[in-house]
Amino acid sequence: MEWQLQDAKNQFSKVVQKARTEGPQVVTLRGEQTAVVLSIEDYNALKADRPNFVDDLLSGPAWDDALIEAVEDRPEWPQRDVAL
């Protein structure tokens, strides 16, 4: 079901209840769909089995021998002296 923003604000508890019993509730602003109110069950189903940011980064491609060698052979850059 679609709700105009003002109606959704005025009847928020009804929007939430309908999200729990009928499914996602779409909120519109000036006739354009802008937000969705979901039940926690629907939300959890959407995010299930999705890696978090750290897991996503750690699951990147494995480094081959050429890349490891290139990283190890890079020149040592001088450290800046930041003594105050």
PDB file of N, CA and C in Angstrom:
ATOM      1  N   MET A   1       0.839  -1.177   0.000  1.00  0.00           N
ATOM      2  CA  MET A   1       0.000   0.000   0.000  1.00  0.00           C
ATOM      3  C   MET A   1       0.889   1.248   0.000  1.00  0.00           C
ATOM      4  N   GLU A   2       0.427   2.292  -0.638  1.00  0.00           N
ATOM      5  CA  GLU A   2       1.163   3.552  -0.652  1.00  0.00           C
ATOM      6  C   GLU A   2       0.519   4.558   0.290  1.00  0.00           C
ATOM      7  N   TRP A   3       1.370   5.293   0.967  1.00  0.00           N
ATOM      8  CA  TRP A   3       0.941   6.334   1.896  1.00  0.00           C
ATOM      9  C   TRP A   3       1.598   7.648   1.515  1.00  0.00           C
ATOM     10  N   GLN A   4       0.825   8.714   1.457  1.00  0.00           N
ATOM     11  CA  GLN A   4       1.434  10.027   1.320  1.00  0.00           C
ATOM     12  C   GLN A   4       2.151  10.314   2.628  1.00  0.00           C
ATOM     13  N   LEU A   5       3.242  11.046   2.571  1.00  0.00           N
ATOM     14  CA  LEU A   5       4.063  11.295   3.750  1.00  0.00           C
ATOM     15  C   LEU A   5       3.247  11.838   4.917  1.00  0.00           C
ATOM     16  N   GLN A   6       2.410  12.830   4.668  1.00  0.00           N
ATOM     17  CA  GLN A   6       1.621  13.420   5.753  1.00  0.00           C
ATOM     18  C   GLN A   6       0.713  12.382   6.397  1.00  0.00           C
ATOM     19  N   ASP A   7       0.068  11.540   5.586  1.00  0.00           N
ATOM     20  CA  ASP A   7      -0.790  10.485   6.129  1.00  0.00           C
ATOM     21  C   ASP A   7       0.025   9.467   6.912  1.00  0.00           C
ATOM     22  N   ALA A   8       1.201   9.114   6.404  1.00  0.00           N
ATOM     23  CA  ALA A   8       2.062   8.154   7.099  1.00  0.00           C
ATOM     24  C   ALA A   8       2.498   8.711   8.450  1.00  0.00           C
ATOM     25  N   LYS A   9       2.811  10.005   8.499  1.00  0.00           N
ATOM     26  CA  LYS A   9       3.202  10.628   9.782  1.00  0.00           C
ATOM     27  C   LYS A   9       2.030  10.621  10.757  1.00  0.00           C
ATOM     28  N   ASN A  10       0.851  10.975  10.265  1.00  0.00           N
ATOM     29  CA  ASN A  10      -0.323  11.068  11.150  1.00  0.00           C
ATOM     30  C   ASN A  10      -0.815   9.698  11.626  1.00  0.00           C
ATOM     31  N   GLN A  11      -0.532   8.665  10.849  1.00  0.00           N
ATOM     32  CA  GLN A  11      -1.029   7.326  11.187  1.00  0.00           C
ATOM     33  C   GLN A  11       0.119   6.322  11.256  1.00  0.00           C
ATOM     34  N   PHE A  12       1.232   6.745  11.820  1.00  0.00           N
ATOM     35  CA  PHE A  12       2.432   5.906  11.799  1.00  0.00           C
ATOM     36  C   PHE A  12       2.198   4.538  12.429  1.00  0.00           C
ATOM     37  N   SER A  13       1.484   4.472  13.542  1.00  0.00           N
ATOM     38  CA  SER A  13       1.249   3.166  14.175  1.00  0.00           C
ATOM     39  C   SER A  13       0.459   2.249  13.238  1.00  0.00           C
ATOM     40  N   LYS A  14      -0.459   2.811  12.473  1.00  0.00           N
ATOM     41  CA  LYS A  14      -1.214   2.012  11.504  1.00  0.00           C
ATOM     42  C   LYS A  14      -0.303   1.542  10.364  1.00  0.00           C
ATOM     43  N   VAL A  15       0.603   2.414   9.910  1.00  0.00           N
ATOM     44  CA  VAL A  15       1.559   2.041   8.852  1.00  0.00           C
ATOM     45  C   VAL A  15       2.423   0.878   9.338  1.00  0.00           C
ATOM     46  N   VAL A  16       2.910   0.973  10.560  1.00  0.00           N
ATOM     47  CA  VAL A  16       3.755  -0.095  11.117  1.00  0.00           C
ATOM     48  C   VAL A  16       2.960  -1.395  11.249  1.00  0.00           C
ATOM     49  N   GLN A  17       1.744  -1.305  11.750  1.00  0.00           N
ATOM     50  CA  GLN A  17       0.926  -2.507  11.905  1.00  0.00           C
ATOM     51  C   GLN A  17       0.664  -3.168  10.550  1.00  0.00           C
ATOM     52  N   LYS A  18       0.361  -2.360   9.535  1.00  0.00           N
ATOM     53  CA  LYS A  18       0.121  -2.920   8.202  1.00  0.00           C
ATOM     54  C   LYS A  18       1.408  -3.529   7.623  1.00  0.00           C
ATOM     55  N   ALA A  19       2.549  -2.935   7.936  1.00  0.00           N
ATOM     56  CA  ALA A  19       3.816  -3.524   7.486  1.00  0.00           C
ATOM     57  C   ALA A  19       4.007  -4.901   8.109  1.00  0.00           C
ATOM     58  N   ARG A  20       3.598  -5.037   9.358  1.00  0.00           N
ATOM     59  CA  ARG A  20       3.730  -6.326  10.042  1.00  0.00           C
ATOM     60  C   ARG A  20       2.770  -7.367   9.491  1.00  0.00           C
ATOM     61  N   THR A  21       1.561  -6.946   9.108  1.00  0.00           N
ATOM     62  CA  THR A  21       0.536  -7.920   8.718  1.00  0.00           C
ATOM     63  C   THR A  21       0.340  -8.054   7.214  1.00  0.00           C
ATOM     64  N   GLU A  22       0.591  -6.983   6.458  1.00  0.00           N
ATOM     65  CA  GLU A  22       0.305  -7.002   5.026  1.00  0.00           C
ATOM     66  C   GLU A  22       1.538  -6.907   4.133  1.00  0.00           C
ATOM     67  N   GLY A  23       2.670  -6.552   4.718  1.00  0.00           N
ATOM     68  CA  GLY A  23       3.881  -6.428   3.923  1.00  0.00           C
ATOM     69  C   GLY A  23       4.351  -4.992   3.843  1.00  0.00           C
ATOM     70  N   PRO A  24       5.388  -4.750   3.056  1.00  0.00           N
ATOM     71  CA  PRO A  24       5.997  -3.425   2.975  1.00  0.00           C
ATOM     72  C   PRO A  24       4.994  -2.330   2.624  1.00  0.00           C
ATOM     73  N   GLN A  25       5.173  -1.181   3.282  1.00  0.00           N
ATOM     74  CA  GLN A  25       4.326  -0.011   3.061  1.00  0.00           C
ATOM     75  C   GLN A  25       5.183   1.090   2.441  1.00  0.00           C
ATOM     76  N   VAL A  26       4.774   1.568   1.286  1.00  0.00           N
ATOM     77  CA  VAL A  26       5.530   2.570   0.546  1.00  0.00           C
ATOM     78  C   VAL A  26       5.043   3.958   0.946  1.00  0.00           C
ATOM     79  N   VAL A  27       6.010   4.853   1.194  1.00  0.00           N
ATOM     80  CA  VAL A  27       5.694   6.240   1.527  1.00  0.00           C
ATOM     81  C   VAL A  27       6.087   7.105   0.340  1.00  0.00           C
ATOM     82  N   THR A  28       5.184   8.013  -0.046  1.00  0.00           N
ATOM     83  CA  THR A  28       5.452   8.888  -1.178  1.00  0.00           C
ATOM     84  C   THR A  28       5.582  10.334  -0.710  1.00  0.00           C
ATOM     85  N   LEU A  29       6.368  11.085  -1.454  1.00  0.00           N
ATOM     86  CA  LEU A  29       6.536  12.513  -1.210  1.00  0.00           C
ATOM     87  C   LEU A  29       6.335  13.211  -2.543  1.00  0.00           C
ATOM     88  N   ARG A  30       5.319  14.041  -2.593  1.00  0.00           N
ATOM     89  CA  ARG A  30       4.953  14.730  -3.842  1.00  0.00           C
ATOM     90  C   ARG A  30       4.740  13.741  -4.983  1.00  0.00           C
ATOM     91  N   GLY A  31       4.110  12.613  -4.662  1.00  0.00           N
ATOM     92  CA  GLY A  31       3.779  11.614  -5.673  1.00  0.00           C
ATOM     93  C   GLY A  31       4.905  10.675  -6.053  1.00  0.00           C
ATOM     94  N   GLU A  32       6.077  10.868  -5.476  1.00  0.00           N
ATOM     95  CA  GLU A  32       7.227  10.016  -5.803  1.00  0.00           C
ATOM     96  C   GLU A  32       7.517   9.074  -4.636  1.00  0.00           C
ATOM     97  N   GLN A  33       7.707   7.794  -4.938  1.00  0.00           N
ATOM     98  CA  GLN A  33       8.029   6.823  -3.894  1.00  0.00           C
ATOM     99  C   GLN A  33       9.385   7.183  -3.290  1.00  0.00           C
ATOM    100  N   THR A  34       9.429   7.337  -1.954  1.00  0.00           N
ATOM    101  CA  THR A  34      10.664   7.788  -1.321  1.00  0.00           C
ATOM    102  C   THR A  34      11.141   6.898  -0.184  1.00  0.00           C
ATOM    103  N   ALA A  35      10.270   6.104   0.408  1.00  0.00           N
ATOM    104  CA  ALA A  35      10.674   5.276   1.548  1.00  0.00           C
ATOM    105  C   ALA A  35       9.759   4.061   1.635  1.00  0.00           C
ATOM    106  N   VAL A  36      10.239   3.068   2.393  1.00  0.00           N
ATOM    107  CA  VAL A  36       9.456   1.856   2.623  1.00  0.00           C
ATOM    108  C   VAL A  36       9.540   1.508   4.103  1.00  0.00           C
ATOM    109  N   VAL A  37       8.408   1.184   4.690  1.00  0.00           N
ATOM    110  CA  VAL A  37       8.369   0.697   6.067  1.00  0.00           C
ATOM    111  C   VAL A  37       8.210  -0.816   5.989  1.00  0.00           C
ATOM    112  N   LEU A  38       9.164  -1.528   6.619  1.00  0.00           N
ATOM    113  CA  LEU A  38       9.182  -2.992   6.585  1.00  0.00           C
ATOM    114  C   LEU A  38       8.991  -3.569   7.974  1.00  0.00           C
ATOM    115  N   SER A  39       8.436  -4.771   8.029  1.00  0.00           N
ATOM    116  CA  SER A  39       8.452  -5.502   9.290  1.00  0.00           C
ATOM    117  C   SER A  39       9.881  -5.959   9.538  1.00  0.00           C
ATOM    118  N   ILE A  40      10.197  -6.277  10.773  1.00  0.00           N
ATOM    119  CA  ILE A  40      11.550  -6.745  11.084  1.00  0.00           C
ATOM    120  C   ILE A  40      11.821  -8.070  10.378  1.00  0.00           C
ATOM    121  N   GLU A  41      10.803  -8.894  10.191  1.00  0.00           N
ATOM    122  CA  GLU A  41      10.993 -10.161   9.486  1.00  0.00           C
ATOM    123  C   GLU A  41      11.401  -9.918   8.033  1.00  0.00           C
ATOM    124  N   ASP A  42      10.727  -8.970   7.375  1.00  0.00           N
ATOM    125  CA  ASP A  42      11.088  -8.647   5.991  1.00  0.00           C
ATOM    126  C   ASP A  42      12.491  -8.059   5.917  1.00  0.00           C
ATOM    127  N   TYR A  43      12.818  -7.185   6.866  1.00  0.00           N
ATOM    128  CA  TYR A  43      14.147  -6.574   6.883  1.00  0.00           C
ATOM    129  C   TYR A  43      15.229  -7.633   7.076  1.00  0.00           C
ATOM    130  N   ASN A  44      15.039  -8.514   8.046  1.00  0.00           N
ATOM    131  CA  ASN A  44      16.029  -9.567   8.307  1.00  0.00           C
ATOM    132  C   ASN A  44      16.183 -10.500   7.107  1.00  0.00           C
ATOM    133  N   ALA A  45      15.097 -10.772   6.406  1.00  0.00           N
ATOM    134  CA  ALA A  45      15.179 -11.623   5.214  1.00  0.00           C
ATOM    135  C   ALA A  45      16.005 -10.940   4.127  1.00  0.00           C
ATOM    136  N   LEU A  46      15.878  -9.623   4.003  1.00  0.00           N
ATOM    137  CA  LEU A  46      16.654  -8.890   2.999  1.00  0.00           C
ATOM    138  C   LEU A  46      18.146  -8.907   3.295  1.00  0.00           C
ATOM    139  N   LYS A  47      18.496  -8.796   4.560  1.00  0.00           N
ATOM    140  CA  LYS A  47      19.915  -8.705   4.885  1.00  0.00           C
ATOM    141  C   LYS A  47      20.554 -10.053   5.215  1.00  0.00           C
ATOM    142  N   ALA A  48      19.779 -11.109   5.213  1.00  0.00           N
ATOM    143  CA  ALA A  48      20.306 -12.441   5.515  1.00  0.00           C
ATOM    144  C   ALA A  48      21.324 -12.864   4.463  1.00  0.00           C
ATOM    145  N   ASP A  49      22.349 -13.531   4.912  1.00  0.00           N
ATOM    146  CA  ASP A  49      23.391 -14.078   4.037  1.00  0.00           C
ATOM    147  C   ASP A  49      24.131 -13.024   3.226  1.00  0.00           C
ATOM    148  N   ARG A  50      24.093 -11.782   3.680  1.00  0.00           N
ATOM    149  CA  ARG A  50      24.874 -10.731   3.022  1.00  0.00           C
ATOM    150  C   ARG A  50      26.076 -10.439   3.904  1.00  0.00           C
ATOM    151  N   PRO A  51      27.253 -10.402   3.309  1.00  0.00           N
ATOM    152  CA  PRO A  51      28.439 -10.133   4.125  1.00  0.00           C
ATOM    153  C   PRO A  51      28.438  -8.695   4.637  1.00  0.00           C
ATOM    154  N   ASN A  52      29.032  -8.506   5.807  1.00  0.00           N
ATOM    155  CA  ASN A  52      29.199  -7.142   6.281  1.00  0.00           C
ATOM    156  C   ASN A  52      30.391  -6.532   5.553  1.00  0.00           C
ATOM    157  N   PHE A  53      30.664  -5.275   5.789  1.00  0.00           N
ATOM    158  CA  PHE A  53      31.709  -4.568   5.053  1.00  0.00           C
ATOM    159  C   PHE A  53      33.071  -5.235   5.220  1.00  0.00           C
ATOM    160  N   VAL A  54      33.428  -5.612   6.437  1.00  0.00           N
ATOM    161  CA  VAL A  54      34.733  -6.229   6.690  1.00  0.00           C
ATOM    162  C   VAL A  54      34.829  -7.579   5.978  1.00  0.00           C
ATOM    163  N   ASP A  55      33.798  -8.391   6.097  1.00  0.00           N
ATOM    164  CA  ASP A  55      33.806  -9.689   5.419  1.00  0.00           C
ATOM    165  C   ASP A  55      33.921  -9.516   3.904  1.00  0.00           C
ATOM    166  N   ASP A  56      33.234  -8.508   3.375  1.00  0.00           N
ATOM    167  CA  ASP A  56      33.297  -8.241   1.946  1.00  0.00           C
ATOM    168  C   ASP A  56      34.717  -7.873   1.516  1.00  0.00           C
ATOM    169  N   LEU A  57      35.382  -7.027   2.301  1.00  0.00           N
ATOM    170  CA  LEU A  57      36.760  -6.652   1.976  1.00  0.00           C
ATOM    171  C   LEU A  57      37.708  -7.843   2.065  1.00  0.00           C
ATOM    172  N   LEU A  58      37.541  -8.655   3.100  1.00  0.00           N
ATOM    173  CA  LEU A  58      38.430  -9.795   3.297  1.00  0.00           C
ATOM    174  C   LEU A  58      38.205 -10.907   2.284  1.00  0.00           C
ATOM    175  N   SER A  59      37.071 -10.888   1.611  1.00  0.00           N
ATOM    176  CA  SER A  59      36.792 -11.949   0.640  1.00  0.00           C
ATOM    177  C   SER A  59      37.265 -11.590  -0.761  1.00  0.00           C
ATOM    178  N   GLY A  60      38.057 -10.544  -0.884  1.00  0.00           N
ATOM    179  CA  GLY A  60      38.566 -10.117  -2.186  1.00  0.00           C
ATOM    180  C   GLY A  60      39.446 -11.183  -2.821  1.00  0.00           C
ATOM    181  N   PRO A  61      39.896 -10.926  -4.020  1.00  0.00           N
ATOM    182  CA  PRO A  61      40.702 -11.926  -4.725  1.00  0.00           C
ATOM    183  C   PRO A  61      42.013 -12.200  -3.993  1.00  0.00           C
ATOM    184  N   ALA A  62      42.476 -13.418  -4.117  1.00  0.00           N
ATOM    185  CA  ALA A  62      43.742 -13.794  -3.488  1.00  0.00           C
ATOM    186  C   ALA A  62      44.896 -13.119  -4.216  1.00  0.00           C
ATOM    187  N   TRP A  63      45.934 -12.819  -3.487  1.00  0.00           N
ATOM    188  CA  TRP A  63      47.130 -12.205  -4.087  1.00  0.00           C
ATOM    189  C   TRP A  63      47.944 -13.309  -4.756  1.00  0.00           C
ATOM    190  N   ASP A  64      48.271 -13.095  -6.009  1.00  0.00           N
ATOM    191  CA  ASP A  64      49.131 -14.064  -6.672  1.00  0.00           C
ATOM    192  C   ASP A  64      50.590 -13.725  -6.353  1.00  0.00           C
ATOM    193  N   ASP A  65      51.499 -14.604  -6.753  1.00  0.00           N
ATOM    194  CA  ASP A  65      52.921 -14.436  -6.422  1.00  0.00           C
ATOM    195  C   ASP A  65      53.496 -13.140  -6.991  1.00  0.00           C
ATOM    196  N   ALA A  66      53.064 -12.741  -8.177  1.00  0.00           N
ATOM    197  CA  ALA A  66      53.593 -11.524  -8.798  1.00  0.00           C
ATOM    198  C   ALA A  66      53.200 -10.288  -7.989  1.00  0.00           C
ATOM    199  N   LEU A  67      51.987 -10.251  -7.496  1.00  0.00           N
ATOM    200  CA  LEU A  67      51.551  -9.104  -6.697  1.00  0.00           C
ATOM    201  C   LEU A  67      52.290  -9.067  -5.365  1.00  0.00           C
ATOM    202  N   ILE A  68      52.442 -10.200  -4.725  1.00  0.00           N
ATOM    203  CA  ILE A  68      53.174 -10.252  -3.459  1.00  0.00           C
ATOM    204  C   ILE A  68      54.601  -9.766  -3.661  1.00  0.00           C
ATOM    205  N   GLU A  69      55.228 -10.216  -4.733  1.00  0.00           N
ATOM    206  CA  GLU A  69      56.605  -9.802  -5.013  1.00  0.00           C
ATOM    207  C   GLU A  69      56.674  -8.296  -5.274  1.00  0.00           C
ATOM    208  N   ALA A  70      55.718  -7.764  -6.011  1.00  0.00           N
ATOM    209  CA  ALA A  70      55.708  -6.328  -6.304  1.00  0.00           C
ATOM    210  C   ALA A  70      55.555  -5.500  -5.026  1.00  0.00           C
ATOM    211  N   VAL A  71      54.727  -5.959  -4.121  1.00  0.00           N
ATOM    212  CA  VAL A  71      54.531  -5.237  -2.860  1.00  0.00           C
ATOM    213  C   VAL A  71      55.798  -5.317  -2.009  1.00  0.00           C
ATOM    214  N   GLU A  72      56.378  -6.486  -1.933  1.00  0.00           N
ATOM    215  CA  GLU A  72      57.584  -6.649  -1.115  1.00  0.00           C
ATOM    216  C   GLU A  72      58.784  -5.909  -1.690  1.00  0.00           C
ATOM    217  N   ASP A  73      58.842  -5.749  -3.011  1.00  0.00           N
ATOM    218  CA  ASP A  73      59.980  -5.097  -3.658  1.00  0.00           C
ATOM    219  C   ASP A  73      59.816  -3.584  -3.816  1.00  0.00           C
ATOM    220  N   ARG A  74      58.690  -3.031  -3.366  1.00  0.00           N
ATOM    221  CA  ARG A  74      58.512  -1.596  -3.546  1.00  0.00           C
ATOM    222  C   ARG A  74      59.546  -0.842  -2.715  1.00  0.00           C
ATOM    223  N   PRO A  75      59.939   0.320  -3.184  1.00  0.00           N
ATOM    224  CA  PRO A  75      60.965   1.077  -2.452  1.00  0.00           C
ATOM    225  C   PRO A  75      60.449   1.553  -1.096  1.00  0.00           C
ATOM    226  N   GLU A  76      61.354   1.629  -0.163  1.00  0.00           N
ATOM    227  CA  GLU A  76      61.005   2.169   1.148  1.00  0.00           C
ATOM    228  C   GLU A  76      60.985   3.682   1.039  1.00  0.00           C
ATOM    229  N   TRP A  77      59.874   4.282   1.335  1.00  0.00           N
ATOM    230  CA  TRP A  77      59.768   5.740   1.287  1.00  0.00           C
ATOM    231  C   TRP A  77      60.261   6.307   2.597  1.00  0.00           C
ATOM    232  N   PRO A  78      60.980   7.411   2.555  1.00  0.00           N
ATOM    233  CA  PRO A  78      61.476   7.997   3.812  1.00  0.00           C
ATOM    234  C   PRO A  78      60.323   8.436   4.701  1.00  0.00           C
ATOM    235  N   GLN A  79      60.513   8.216   5.981  1.00  0.00           N
ATOM    236  CA  GLN A  79      59.522   8.643   6.969  1.00  0.00           C
ATOM    237  C   GLN A  79      59.717  10.133   7.261  1.00  0.00           C
ATOM    238  N   ARG A  80      58.644  10.846   7.426  1.00  0.00           N
ATOM    239  CA  ARG A  80      58.748  12.251   7.812  1.00  0.00           C
ATOM    240  C   ARG A  80      59.039  12.352   9.292  1.00  0.00           C
ATOM    241  N   ASP A  81      59.904  13.263   9.646  1.00  0.00           N
ATOM    242  CA  ASP A  81      60.175  13.524  11.051  1.00  0.00           C
ATOM    243  C   ASP A  81      59.115  14.493  11.539  1.00  0.00           C
ATOM    244  N   VAL A  82      58.258  14.018  12.412  1.00  0.00           N
ATOM    245  CA  VAL A  82      57.146  14.859  12.876  1.00  0.00           C
ATOM    246  C   VAL A  82      57.367  15.335  14.307  1.00  0.00           C
ATOM    247  N   ALA A  83      58.625  15.318  14.748  1.00  0.00           N
ATOM    248  CA  ALA A  83      58.922  15.767  16.112  1.00  0.00           C
ATOM    249  C   ALA A  83      58.536  17.240  16.245  1.00  0.00           C
ATOM    250  N   LEU A  84      57.946  17.538  17.350  1.00  0.00           N
ATOM    251  CA  LEU A  84      57.520  18.932  17.590  1.00  0.00           C
ATOM    252  C   LEU A  84      58.513  19.681  18.412  1.00  0.00           C
TER     253      LEU A  84
END
